Each structure stands twice: as structure tokens, then as C-alpha cells.
Amino acid sequence: MYARNKAQAACDVKVAIDKGSIRLSFPKRHTPLWELMDGKSLKGKPKYLYLGKAGFSASNPDDCKRAELIASQMEADLDHPEWDKLFDRTLEKYGLAGLLGGKYTKLADVLQLPGAVQATPEITVGEMWDAYLEWKKTVVEETTFKENFRGFSNALKGLVWVASDHKHHQGNNNLSILTCDKKLEIQSGIDAITLSAKRYLVTCLNEAFEFCKSKGLIVNSVTENPFNTGKYVTPITTTQQKYASKIVNGEEKEWHEVQDEKSLELDRRAFTKDERDTIIKAFYESERIATKKLAPLFEFYFLTGCRTSEALSLTWSDIDLTRNTIRFSKSLGSSTRKVKETKTGEARLFYFSENSRLRELLLESKITTVSTLIFPGSHGRYLHISAVSDAWLGKKSSKILADGTRKRYYTPGVVTQLVEKGKISGYLSPYHTRHTYITLTAHANAHNNNALLHIATACGNSVDVILRHYLGVSESVGLTEV
């Protein structure tokens, strides 16, 4: 026997299983309309719609749930004061256009019922989304726009990433072609999207609909917002989704290899001074030429505590070897590869002493570098952030052999190798060079308030953050009694 949920129990359009087929049963108040649509009397019997010919299977629980949604939607439309505008006599709105060999699809052409004249077609989800993106890209950072919204666009188009081919393929769940008045189909399509950031996507879709409505782009005034649902208010992330690999700049990464800058900033673990020196030495002694070339960059990280994006955008005009200062005023977008302002939006000066290792490093780099960039990539262009990760953590690659099989390779990075050999206590990301500099320098100058202020200013932090998160509370300090 078919078990109805609470919402369906309150609905007068009933869903049942009859002779192995899902059936909708309509209350008698809807009988006059169905008699007119069918062109015959129901003789006091309720109207039944069997959904088997529309592709519904009684043995499929998802089809039963979909039938419940359709029943609720049809009843809501039929009982609405403006039912003649809302109820679709072709049944296409409810995903039942092919029912009875398309019988109801032809009704709008032959019946002169109230509202039988076809309304102007509603805009598609894809058209709505494109209009929204044209506005959205003007109000968010270019890097944020590219990293988040490109993935959302792919999801709406039903594009599926195939790791073996290293590219997207067209899937079956293409929401972009649905018109915005196909509420049930849209919500069913959203349910089928496997995206860790689905909650944010739905939030953006809701915002997109309201934006288009405010601009007069939504054609029909009765079209309801299909994305205004509380279903995804609480993120539901399965274990599989949490630990699933992710696509970053067209490359598949393991879950633990992908961290956003905010989480890295809050993870203030640091290397010891000996571990720092071991890492720097290992880069300079690397047998891989490309890795060895990055040794000055990693040493620069450890000596300044700057962010990767800030170092990669530095030019020699930012260095003043007369006053011994570095001006951090810009950063390089990881995906856009374009220069923008720093994370905090403020420029800052970093001071170093005349006899410091940092000054020596800069002088050595100035002799060997012909580019205007301090740490250039190939052909004097901006160094790609993936090169930093590959040298530090490691790189995965693959090759298709003559027999058509794909052989996968993994080259461990310098820090990964040091961990495997037991030369350092554990793995930390390149971002932790920043925490290492702040931690070591703060502890070395713990009793010098001016020095702590200098560290905070030079690294774009506050003295309070230095005291609370890098120095912590010293148990050796006693309180003076009063």
C-alpha cells in the first residue's frame, strides 16, 4: 500500500498506486474543468490521471515523491483565485506534457477556456543566470567571481568533470534550458546537483531571480521564485562530499590539498627555527632545476611572512635598498592571474636591517634576475601559484600510453620528502611560512613592544593578534598583588 507523507495527506489531489501505476485522483470540485478538457462526462466519478505514460514508475520511490510534488502544485494552481492564469492545461508545467499521447498539449489550440491563450514564454534559468552574472561581476572580486561562479555555471549547464579526460562532459541535468516557471523540474534538478557549495549556489539563484524580477526581466507576473526554498538553509554534506576531490584551475586536487586563505590564516601552526632552516637548505640543494630556482622565493616567505599572492606580484620598484624597505601594496589573483590590492586593501612597509639575510637575498636576486618581477616565472611572466604548490607539496601527472591506458605519476615536493625522511616533524602548507616568521620573530622580541608593533604592521596584523594567537599566555608570568 502507498504511504503518503504529511504534506500529501493534507492535499486533496491524491497520489495512489493502481494496477502497478502511479495515479493522481482529483476532488469533485475540479470535475467540471476536467469534463470540459476531456470532452466527456465523468458520470460522478473522480478524475484519474495515470502517470505511467509520462515515465513514472510505481517501483521508484523518487517518482512517487515527484508525483506528490506535482499533486500539490496542481491543487495549489487550481484552487488559486487566479487559477485560470496559473493552471497549465497542457500539463507541461508539471512535467506531464506527453501524457495520453500529447492529448492535453493540444488543448490550448482548440479550447477557448479562460486563460487558454498561451502566455509569453518565460525566460530560462540560463538567461536569468547570465543577466545576474553581468551584474554580479561588478560587485565582487574578480578572483572570487572566477573561482565560484564558473563552477556554478557548469553545474547549471549539467557539465560533469571527467578526471580521466581532464575536461567537462555534458550530463543529463541541464537546468539552464528550463524556463523559470518550471518550479518542480527546477527543484528536482537542484536536488540532483552534486556540489559541496550547493547551499551557496541556491542562495545565488534566489538572488538572481529577485534581481531579474526587479529589472523587469521575468516575463510573467505570476511566475513564482523556484529557488526561494528553505530546503538548503542547513548544509547537508555527506562524508563522500566532504572528502571528495575538487577541481582547481582545471586540475584535480585531493580534499586536503585545497584550503582557502581564511582557514589558512586561522591555522597558526608554525615550523621551528631548525625546521625552517632545513626546508630552505633542501630547496637550495634540490636536484630538480625548477624547484631549485624557487629556493629564493621560499626563503623570502620565511624572512618576511608575506602572503604568496603578495610575493608573486612584487617588482623591483617595490624594493628600496637605500632605505631598506619593501612596499607590499598589491597581490596576484590565483585564478585570474591579474594584479589587485592586498587582502586587507592597505599598503604596508616592511623594514629590514643593513646586515640582514633578507637584504643579502634581495641583492643576490637582483644580480641574477633580468625581469622587473622579483620572482618571475618562465619568460619573465608572473609565476603560477601551482608551481609553488608542486615544488612544496608535490605534483600529480599522467600520460596516455600507446595501448590507450593512462599511467599516473607522482613527484613528491621538497617538504613532503622531508616529512617522509623524518627530517621535520610534520607537513604544513606554504602559507605556514607566514605563521613561522610571525611566531619566531614575536617570541624573539616578546618583551619589546615596539618590535611587536613593527611585526604587526609589517605583516598586516594587529598587536592584539600577535599577543593572543602567536605568543599566547605565558604561565611563567605572575600577578602582582594589590
Protein backbone atom coordinates (compact mmCIF):
# COMPACT_ATOMS: atom_id res chain seq x y z
CA MET A 1 0.00 0.00 0.00
CA TYR A 2 1.22 3.50 -0.85
CA ALA A 3 2.29 5.53 2.21
CA ARG A 4 1.67 9.26 1.95
CA ASN A 5 3.70 11.87 3.79
CA LYS A 6 2.05 14.55 5.95
CA ALA A 7 2.07 17.18 3.20
CA GLN A 8 0.37 14.79 0.77
CA ALA A 9 -2.18 13.75 3.40
CA ALA A 10 -3.34 17.39 3.57
CA CYS A 11 -3.62 17.59 -0.22
CA ASP A 12 -6.96 16.84 -1.93
CA VAL A 13 -5.24 15.72 -5.14
CA LYS A 14 -4.34 12.22 -4.00
CA VAL A 15 -1.45 10.02 -5.12
CA ALA A 16 -2.06 6.28 -5.17
CA ILE A 17 -0.83 3.07 -6.79
CA ASP A 18 -3.45 1.42 -9.02
CA LYS A 19 -2.72 -1.68 -11.09
CA GLY A 20 1.00 -1.11 -10.77
CA SER A 21 0.83 2.50 -11.93
CA ILE A 22 1.08 5.83 -10.10
CA ARG A 23 -2.27 7.62 -10.25
CA LEU A 24 -3.47 11.13 -9.40
CA SER A 25 -7.06 11.42 -8.16
CA PHE A 26 -8.76 14.84 -8.28
CA PRO A 27 -11.56 16.05 -5.94
CA LYS A 28 -15.06 16.64 -7.30
CA ARG A 29 -14.70 20.42 -7.24
CA HIS A 30 -12.27 20.06 -10.16
CA THR A 31 -14.62 17.78 -12.14
CA PRO A 32 -16.23 20.49 -14.37
CA LEU A 33 -12.84 21.56 -15.70
CA TRP A 34 -11.71 18.01 -16.43
CA GLU A 35 -15.02 17.19 -18.17
CA LEU A 36 -14.53 20.22 -20.40
CA MET A 37 -10.90 19.29 -21.09
CA ASP A 38 -11.72 15.63 -21.78
CA GLY A 39 -14.85 16.46 -23.76
CA LYS A 40 -16.96 13.92 -21.90
CA SER A 41 -18.82 13.39 -18.64
CA LEU A 42 -17.14 11.67 -15.71
CA LYS A 43 -20.58 10.45 -14.54
CA GLY A 44 -19.99 11.44 -10.95
CA LYS A 45 -16.64 9.66 -10.72
CA PRO A 46 -13.40 11.41 -9.76
CA LYS A 47 -10.88 12.30 -12.44
CA TYR A 48 -7.85 9.98 -12.57
CA LEU A 49 -4.52 10.71 -14.25
CA TYR A 50 -2.26 7.69 -14.69
CA LEU A 51 1.39 8.75 -14.89
CA GLY A 52 2.93 5.60 -16.36
CA LYS A 53 2.95 7.01 -19.90
CA ALA A 54 4.77 10.07 -18.58
CA GLY A 55 7.68 7.88 -17.48
CA PHE A 56 6.70 7.39 -13.83
CA SER A 57 7.34 4.01 -12.22
CA ALA A 58 5.44 2.81 -9.17
CA SER A 59 8.51 0.89 -8.02
CA ASN A 60 10.65 4.03 -7.96
CA PRO A 61 10.36 5.95 -4.64
CA ASP A 62 11.69 9.11 -6.31
CA ASP A 63 8.88 9.00 -8.87
CA CYS A 64 6.35 8.68 -6.05
CA LYS A 65 7.81 11.71 -4.32
CA ARG A 66 7.78 13.64 -7.60
CA ALA A 67 4.13 12.71 -8.08
CA GLU A 68 3.36 14.15 -4.64
CA LEU A 69 5.03 17.44 -5.61
CA ILE A 70 3.03 17.54 -8.84
CA ALA A 71 -0.22 16.86 -6.97
CA SER A 72 0.47 19.67 -4.51
CA GLN A 73 1.40 22.09 -7.31
CA MET A 74 -1.69 21.27 -9.39
CA GLU A 75 -4.02 21.68 -6.42
CA ALA A 76 -2.37 24.99 -5.48
CA ASP A 77 -2.84 26.27 -9.04
CA LEU A 78 -6.43 25.05 -9.40
CA ASP A 79 -7.55 26.47 -6.04
CA HIS A 80 -5.81 29.83 -6.52
CA PRO A 81 -8.02 32.92 -7.16
CA GLU A 82 -6.15 33.37 -10.44
CA TRP A 83 -6.28 29.67 -11.31
CA ASP A 84 -7.00 30.43 -14.95
CA LYS A 85 -3.58 32.07 -15.24
CA LEU A 86 -1.68 29.59 -13.11
CA PHE A 87 -3.07 26.22 -14.17
CA ASP A 88 -1.40 24.89 -17.32
CA ARG A 89 -3.97 22.93 -19.32
CA THR A 90 -1.21 21.39 -21.43
CA LEU A 91 0.24 19.90 -18.19
CA GLU A 92 3.70 20.83 -19.47
CA LYS A 93 4.30 22.97 -16.39
CA TYR A 94 4.01 19.82 -14.29
CA GLY A 95 6.25 17.68 -16.48
CA LEU A 96 3.29 15.73 -17.89
CA ALA A 97 3.12 17.17 -21.41
CA GLY A 98 3.46 13.75 -23.04
CA LEU A 99 0.56 12.23 -21.13
CA LEU A 100 -2.04 10.40 -23.26
CA GLY A 101 -0.05 10.85 -26.44
CA GLY A 102 0.12 14.63 -26.04
CA LYS A 103 -3.67 14.96 -25.80
CA TYR A 104 -3.53 17.83 -23.33
CA THR A 105 -0.70 19.58 -25.16
CA LYS A 106 -3.14 20.36 -27.99
CA LEU A 107 -5.87 21.73 -25.74
CA ALA A 108 -4.69 25.34 -25.79
CA ASP A 109 -5.16 25.40 -29.55
CA VAL A 110 -8.69 24.00 -29.60
CA LEU A 111 -10.35 25.12 -26.36
CA GLN A 112 -11.39 28.70 -25.73
CA LEU A 113 -11.18 28.42 -21.96
CA PRO A 114 -10.30 31.29 -19.64
CA GLY A 115 -6.55 31.64 -19.86
CA ALA A 116 -6.29 29.24 -22.77
CA VAL A 117 -4.27 31.74 -24.80
CA GLN A 118 -0.63 30.80 -24.33
CA ALA A 119 1.34 33.24 -22.23
CA THR A 120 4.60 34.69 -23.45
CA PRO A 121 7.33 32.10 -22.77
CA GLU A 122 9.20 32.73 -19.53
CA ILE A 123 12.95 33.33 -19.58
CA THR A 124 15.15 30.30 -18.97
CA VAL A 125 17.30 29.68 -15.92
CA GLY A 126 20.32 30.16 -18.17
CA GLU A 127 19.11 33.57 -19.38
CA MET A 128 18.33 34.59 -15.80
CA TRP A 129 21.77 33.44 -14.64
CA ASP A 130 23.63 35.25 -17.45
CA ALA A 131 21.86 38.53 -16.66
CA TYR A 132 22.70 38.08 -12.98
CA LEU A 133 26.38 37.39 -13.71
CA GLU A 134 26.70 40.57 -15.78
CA TRP A 135 25.77 42.48 -12.64
CA LYS A 136 27.49 40.23 -10.09
CA LYS A 137 30.93 40.53 -11.67
CA THR A 138 30.82 44.27 -10.99
CA VAL A 139 30.33 43.87 -7.23
CA VAL A 140 32.68 41.01 -6.24
CA GLU A 141 36.43 40.45 -6.55
CA GLU A 142 37.43 39.10 -9.95
CA THR A 143 39.17 36.11 -8.34
CA THR A 144 36.07 35.28 -6.28
CA PHE A 145 33.87 35.61 -9.35
CA LYS A 146 36.03 33.31 -11.46
CA GLU A 147 36.58 30.67 -8.77
CA ASN A 148 32.96 30.41 -7.58
CA PHE A 149 30.66 31.37 -10.41
CA ARG A 150 32.40 29.47 -13.19
CA GLY A 151 31.78 26.26 -11.22
CA PHE A 152 28.16 27.25 -10.59
CA SER A 153 27.62 27.92 -14.30
CA ASN A 154 29.00 24.49 -15.15
CA ALA A 155 26.67 22.87 -12.60
CA LEU A 156 23.61 24.64 -14.03
CA LYS A 157 24.54 23.51 -17.54
CA GLY A 158 24.85 19.93 -16.30
CA LEU A 159 28.55 19.73 -17.14
CA VAL A 160 30.31 16.85 -15.38
CA TRP A 161 34.06 16.74 -14.78
CA VAL A 162 35.65 13.53 -16.07
CA ALA A 163 39.04 13.11 -14.42
CA SER A 164 40.30 10.58 -16.97
CA ASP A 165 39.80 13.10 -19.79
CA HIS A 166 40.70 16.19 -17.73
CA LYS A 167 37.66 18.04 -19.09
CA HIS A 168 33.93 18.54 -18.64
CA HIS A 169 31.30 16.47 -20.44
CA GLN A 170 27.63 17.29 -20.93
CA GLY A 171 25.45 15.42 -18.44
CA ASN A 172 21.68 14.92 -18.31
CA ASN A 173 20.84 17.51 -15.64
CA ASN A 174 20.83 20.74 -17.70
CA LEU A 175 18.91 23.27 -15.62
CA SER A 176 19.90 26.21 -17.81
CA ILE A 177 17.41 25.28 -20.55
CA LEU A 178 14.40 25.12 -18.21
CA THR A 179 12.13 28.15 -18.07
CA CYS A 180 11.82 29.77 -14.66
CA ASP A 181 8.15 28.79 -14.32
CA LYS A 182 9.04 25.06 -14.27
CA LYS A 183 9.30 25.09 -10.48
CA LEU A 184 9.02 21.35 -9.89
CA GLU A 185 11.51 20.42 -12.59
CA ILE A 186 13.95 23.07 -11.38
CA GLN A 187 13.79 21.90 -7.77
CA SER A 188 14.18 18.29 -8.88
CA GLY A 189 17.22 19.32 -10.93
CA ILE A 190 18.76 21.17 -7.99
CA ASP A 191 18.30 18.05 -5.86
CA ALA A 192 20.33 16.11 -8.44
CA ILE A 193 23.27 18.53 -8.39
CA THR A 194 26.26 17.10 -6.50
CA LEU A 195 28.09 20.21 -5.39
CA SER A 196 29.66 20.86 -1.99
CA ALA A 197 28.67 24.54 -2.23
CA LYS A 198 25.05 23.80 -3.24
CA ARG A 199 23.66 25.96 -0.44
CA TYR A 200 25.60 28.97 -1.75
CA LEU A 201 24.51 28.17 -5.32
CA VAL A 202 20.83 28.15 -4.32
CA THR A 203 21.35 31.43 -2.45
CA CYS A 204 22.81 32.96 -5.61
CA LEU A 205 19.98 31.56 -7.75
CA ASN A 206 17.44 33.07 -5.38
CA GLU A 207 19.27 36.40 -5.59
CA ALA A 208 19.44 36.06 -9.39
CA PHE A 209 15.67 35.59 -9.69
CA GLU A 210 14.91 38.58 -7.46
CA PHE A 211 17.46 40.67 -9.38
CA CYS A 212 15.86 39.80 -12.73
CA LYS A 213 12.40 40.43 -11.32
CA SER A 214 13.46 43.89 -10.12
CA LYS A 215 14.81 44.64 -13.60
CA GLY A 216 11.59 43.52 -15.30
CA LEU A 217 13.27 40.53 -16.94
CA ILE A 218 10.83 37.97 -15.51
CA VAL A 219 8.16 37.88 -18.21
CA ASN A 220 5.04 36.75 -16.34
CA SER A 221 3.96 38.38 -13.08
CA VAL A 222 2.56 35.08 -11.77
CA THR A 223 5.90 33.24 -12.10
CA GLU A 224 6.97 32.26 -8.60
CA ASN A 225 10.58 32.19 -7.44
CA PRO A 226 11.51 28.49 -7.75
CA PHE A 227 14.67 28.97 -5.70
CA ASN A 228 13.04 30.52 -2.63
CA THR A 229 13.11 27.36 -0.58
CA GLY A 230 14.37 26.61 2.90
CA LYS A 231 15.49 23.16 1.86
CA TYR A 232 19.16 24.09 1.67
CA VAL A 233 19.32 26.53 4.58
CA THR A 234 21.17 23.91 6.60
CA PRO A 235 24.07 22.48 4.60
CA ILE A 236 23.78 18.74 4.18
CA THR A 237 27.25 17.46 3.36
CA THR A 238 27.78 13.74 3.17
CA THR A 239 31.06 12.13 4.16
CA GLN A 240 31.68 11.36 0.49
CA GLN A 241 31.18 15.01 -0.48
CA LYS A 242 33.36 16.26 2.37
CA TYR A 243 36.32 14.14 1.32
CA ALA A 244 35.71 14.25 -2.43
CA SER A 245 38.42 15.59 -4.73
CA LYS A 246 37.96 19.10 -6.14
CA ILE A 247 38.85 20.79 -9.42
CA VAL A 248 41.21 23.77 -9.01
CA ASN A 249 42.34 25.62 -12.13
CA GLY A 250 41.46 22.59 -14.26
CA GLU A 251 43.44 20.20 -12.06
CA GLU A 252 42.02 17.55 -9.74
CA LYS A 253 43.11 18.02 -6.12
CA GLU A 254 42.56 15.86 -3.04
CA TRP A 255 40.36 17.43 -0.35
CA HIS A 256 43.31 18.01 2.00
CA GLU A 257 45.26 19.81 -0.74
CA VAL A 258 42.61 22.52 -1.09
CA GLN A 259 42.41 25.21 1.57
CA ASP A 260 41.07 28.72 1.35
CA GLU A 261 43.15 31.62 2.64
CA LYS A 262 40.76 32.31 5.53
CA SER A 263 41.21 28.83 7.01
CA LEU A 264 44.97 29.01 6.48
CA GLU A 265 45.12 32.38 8.25
CA LEU A 266 43.35 30.88 11.26
CA ASP A 267 45.56 27.76 11.32
CA ARG A 268 48.56 29.36 13.04
CA ARG A 269 50.79 26.32 13.40
CA ALA A 270 54.43 27.03 12.63
CA PHE A 271 57.72 25.30 11.87
CA THR A 272 60.54 25.50 14.40
CA LYS A 273 63.63 27.56 13.56
CA ASP A 274 65.62 24.39 12.80
CA GLU A 275 62.82 23.07 10.58
CA ARG A 276 62.72 26.38 8.74
CA ASP A 277 66.45 26.23 8.05
CA THR A 278 66.18 22.57 6.99
CA ILE A 279 63.46 23.41 4.46
CA ILE A 280 65.35 26.37 2.99
CA LYS A 281 68.54 24.30 2.69
CA ALA A 282 66.65 21.46 0.98
CA PHE A 283 65.28 23.80 -1.69
CA TYR A 284 68.71 25.20 -2.49
CA GLU A 285 70.12 21.66 -2.72
CA SER A 286 67.28 20.19 -4.80
CA GLU A 287 68.32 18.18 -7.84
CA ARG A 288 65.31 19.46 -9.76
CA ILE A 289 66.26 22.68 -11.56
CA ALA A 290 62.73 24.13 -11.50
CA THR A 291 62.47 23.51 -7.76
CA LYS A 292 65.92 24.91 -7.02
CA LYS A 293 65.02 28.13 -8.84
CA LEU A 294 62.22 28.66 -6.33
CA ALA A 295 64.54 28.45 -3.30
CA PRO A 296 64.93 32.28 -3.02
CA LEU A 297 61.13 32.66 -3.08
CA PHE A 298 60.58 30.20 -0.22
CA GLU A 299 63.38 31.81 1.79
CA PHE A 300 61.74 35.18 1.16
CA TYR A 301 58.48 33.79 2.57
CA PHE A 302 60.22 32.68 5.75
CA LEU A 303 62.06 36.02 6.13
CA THR A 304 59.09 38.35 5.60
CA GLY A 305 55.92 36.45 6.50
CA CYS A 306 54.24 37.82 3.36
CA ARG A 307 51.45 36.02 1.56
CA THR A 308 52.18 34.06 -1.64
CA SER A 309 49.98 36.36 -3.71
CA GLU A 310 51.93 39.38 -2.43
CA ALA A 311 55.36 37.93 -3.19
CA LEU A 312 54.44 36.86 -6.73
CA SER A 313 53.32 40.40 -7.65
CA LEU A 314 56.41 42.17 -6.27
CA THR A 315 58.51 44.23 -8.68
CA TRP A 316 61.86 45.89 -8.14
CA SER A 317 60.09 49.24 -7.88
CA ASP A 318 58.64 47.94 -4.58
CA ILE A 319 62.15 47.48 -3.14
CA ASP A 320 64.20 50.36 -1.74
CA LEU A 321 67.70 49.09 -0.96
CA THR A 322 68.76 52.58 0.14
CA ARG A 323 66.15 52.81 2.90
CA ASN A 324 65.97 49.01 3.31
CA THR A 325 62.22 48.72 2.83
CA ILE A 326 59.76 46.56 0.91
CA ARG A 327 56.38 48.00 -0.03
CA PHE A 328 53.57 45.43 -0.13
CA SER A 329 50.71 47.15 -1.95
CA LYS A 330 49.32 44.55 -4.35
CA SER A 331 48.67 40.84 -4.82
CA LEU A 332 48.29 38.39 -7.70
CA GLY A 333 44.93 36.69 -8.22
CA SER A 334 45.46 32.91 -8.13
CA SER A 335 42.97 32.15 -10.90
CA THR A 336 42.67 35.44 -12.79
CA ARG A 337 46.46 35.99 -12.86
CA LYS A 338 45.74 39.71 -12.55
CA VAL A 339 47.20 42.14 -10.03
CA LYS A 340 44.81 43.55 -7.42
CA GLU A 341 45.10 45.19 -4.00
CA THR A 342 46.28 43.29 -0.93
CA LYS A 343 43.93 41.13 1.12
CA THR A 344 43.40 43.93 3.66
CA GLY A 345 43.17 46.61 0.97
CA GLU A 346 46.04 48.52 2.55
CA ALA A 347 49.68 49.03 1.58
CA ARG A 348 52.34 48.37 4.21
CA LEU A 349 56.09 48.81 4.58
CA PHE A 350 58.43 46.06 5.70
CA TYR A 351 61.75 47.23 7.18
CA PHE A 352 64.95 45.19 7.28
CA SER A 353 68.44 45.89 8.61
CA GLU A 354 71.58 46.67 6.64
CA ASN A 355 73.28 43.39 7.53
CA SER A 356 70.23 41.16 7.35
CA ARG A 357 69.96 37.93 5.39
CA LEU A 358 66.90 39.42 3.64
CA ARG A 359 68.93 42.30 2.20
CA GLU A 360 71.60 39.83 1.10
CA LEU A 361 68.93 37.67 -0.58
CA LEU A 362 67.49 40.66 -2.46
CA LEU A 363 70.91 41.77 -3.68
CA GLU A 364 71.66 38.25 -4.95
CA SER A 365 68.28 38.08 -6.70
CA LYS A 366 68.78 41.49 -8.32
CA ILE A 367 72.03 40.28 -9.90
CA THR A 368 70.51 37.08 -11.33
CA THR A 369 67.08 38.47 -12.37
CA VAL A 370 66.56 40.42 -15.59
CA SER A 371 62.78 40.69 -15.16
CA THR A 372 61.02 43.60 -13.47
CA LEU A 373 59.44 40.94 -11.24
CA ILE A 374 61.47 39.82 -8.24
CA PHE A 375 60.28 36.23 -8.54
CA PRO A 376 59.36 35.72 -12.21
CA GLY A 377 58.09 32.60 -13.91
CA SER A 378 59.03 31.49 -17.39
CA HIS A 379 59.68 34.23 -19.97
CA GLY A 380 59.61 36.84 -17.21
CA ARG A 381 55.87 36.42 -16.62
CA TYR A 382 54.06 36.01 -13.32
CA LEU A 383 54.90 32.74 -11.61
CA HIS A 384 51.89 30.42 -11.45
CA ILE A 385 50.81 29.58 -7.92
CA SER A 386 50.58 25.89 -8.89
CA ALA A 387 54.38 25.90 -9.36
CA VAL A 388 54.71 26.87 -5.69
CA SER A 389 52.42 24.03 -4.59
CA ASP A 390 54.14 21.50 -6.88
CA ALA A 391 57.60 22.31 -5.53
CA TRP A 392 56.44 22.33 -1.90
CA LEU A 393 53.87 19.51 -1.74
CA GLY A 394 54.30 17.53 -4.95
CA LYS A 395 52.81 17.12 -8.39
CA LYS A 396 50.49 14.56 -9.94
CA SER A 397 50.58 13.94 -13.67
CA SER A 398 49.51 11.28 -16.14
CA LYS A 399 50.37 10.03 -19.60
CA ILE A 400 48.38 8.03 -22.13
CA LEU A 401 50.45 5.08 -23.31
CA ALA A 402 50.49 3.53 -26.79
CA ASP A 403 47.98 0.87 -25.74
CA GLY A 404 45.49 3.56 -24.68
CA THR A 405 45.92 3.10 -20.93
CA ARG A 406 46.70 6.03 -18.70
CA LYS A 407 49.76 5.86 -16.46
CA ARG A 408 49.80 8.12 -13.43
CA TYR A 409 52.88 9.69 -11.87
CA TYR A 410 53.54 11.45 -8.59
CA THR A 411 56.59 13.56 -7.82
CA PRO A 412 56.77 14.44 -4.11
CA GLY A 413 57.64 18.02 -3.22
CA VAL A 414 60.57 19.12 -1.07
CA VAL A 415 58.62 19.46 2.19
CA THR A 416 56.76 16.19 1.59
CA GLN A 417 60.09 14.40 1.16
CA LEU A 418 61.47 15.96 4.35
CA VAL A 419 58.45 14.67 6.28
CA GLU A 420 58.82 11.19 4.77
CA LYS A 421 62.50 11.12 5.74
CA GLY A 422 61.73 12.28 9.28
CA LYS A 423 63.79 15.46 8.95
CA ILE A 424 60.88 17.68 10.05
CA SER A 425 58.05 16.83 12.44
CA GLY A 426 55.15 17.17 10.02
CA TYR A 427 53.69 18.75 6.92
CA LEU A 428 52.42 22.33 6.83
CA SER A 429 51.40 24.31 3.75
CA PRO A 430 53.42 27.15 2.16
CA TYR A 431 51.08 29.61 3.91
CA HIS A 432 52.60 28.50 7.21
CA THR A 433 55.86 30.19 6.30
CA ARG A 434 53.94 33.34 7.25
CA HIS A 435 52.96 31.95 10.65
CA THR A 436 56.52 30.69 11.15
CA TYR A 437 58.00 34.16 10.59
CA ILE A 438 55.50 35.85 12.90
CA THR A 439 55.84 33.18 15.62
CA LEU A 440 59.65 33.07 15.65
CA THR A 441 60.06 36.85 15.43
CA ALA A 442 57.39 37.55 18.05
CA HIS A 443 58.92 35.13 20.56
CA ALA A 444 62.38 36.60 19.95
CA ASN A 445 61.01 40.08 20.71
CA ALA A 446 58.34 39.21 23.25
CA HIS A 447 59.43 41.92 25.73
CA ASN A 448 59.81 44.67 23.14
CA ASN A 449 56.50 46.41 22.48
CA ASN A 450 57.94 48.49 19.66
CA ALA A 451 59.18 45.33 17.95
CA LEU A 452 55.76 43.68 18.27
CA LEU A 453 54.13 46.76 16.75
CA HIS A 454 56.64 46.58 13.89
CA ILE A 455 55.84 42.89 13.27
CA ALA A 456 52.10 43.52 13.33
CA THR A 457 52.34 46.48 10.94
CA ALA A 458 54.76 44.73 8.59
CA CYS A 459 52.57 41.62 8.34
CA GLY A 460 49.18 43.30 8.18
CA ASN A 461 48.09 42.15 11.64
CA SER A 462 47.43 43.82 14.97
CA VAL A 463 49.46 43.66 18.17
CA ASP A 464 46.41 42.07 19.82
CA VAL A 465 46.50 39.20 17.29
CA ILE A 466 50.25 38.78 17.88
CA LEU A 467 49.77 38.63 21.65
CA ARG A 468 46.71 36.38 21.64
CA HIS A 469 47.49 33.93 18.87
CA TYR A 470 51.25 33.87 18.36
CA LEU A 471 52.65 34.49 21.82
CA GLY A 472 49.74 33.13 23.81
CA VAL A 473 49.59 33.35 27.59
CA SER A 474 52.84 32.79 29.44
CA GLU A 475 52.38 30.62 32.54
CA SER A 476 55.65 31.95 33.99
CA VAL A 477 54.25 35.45 34.43
CA GLY A 478 52.97 36.08 37.94
CA LEU A 479 50.42 38.66 39.02
CA THR A 480 51.45 41.44 41.37
CA GLU A 481 49.15 41.52 44.36
CA VAL A 482 47.48 44.83 45.23
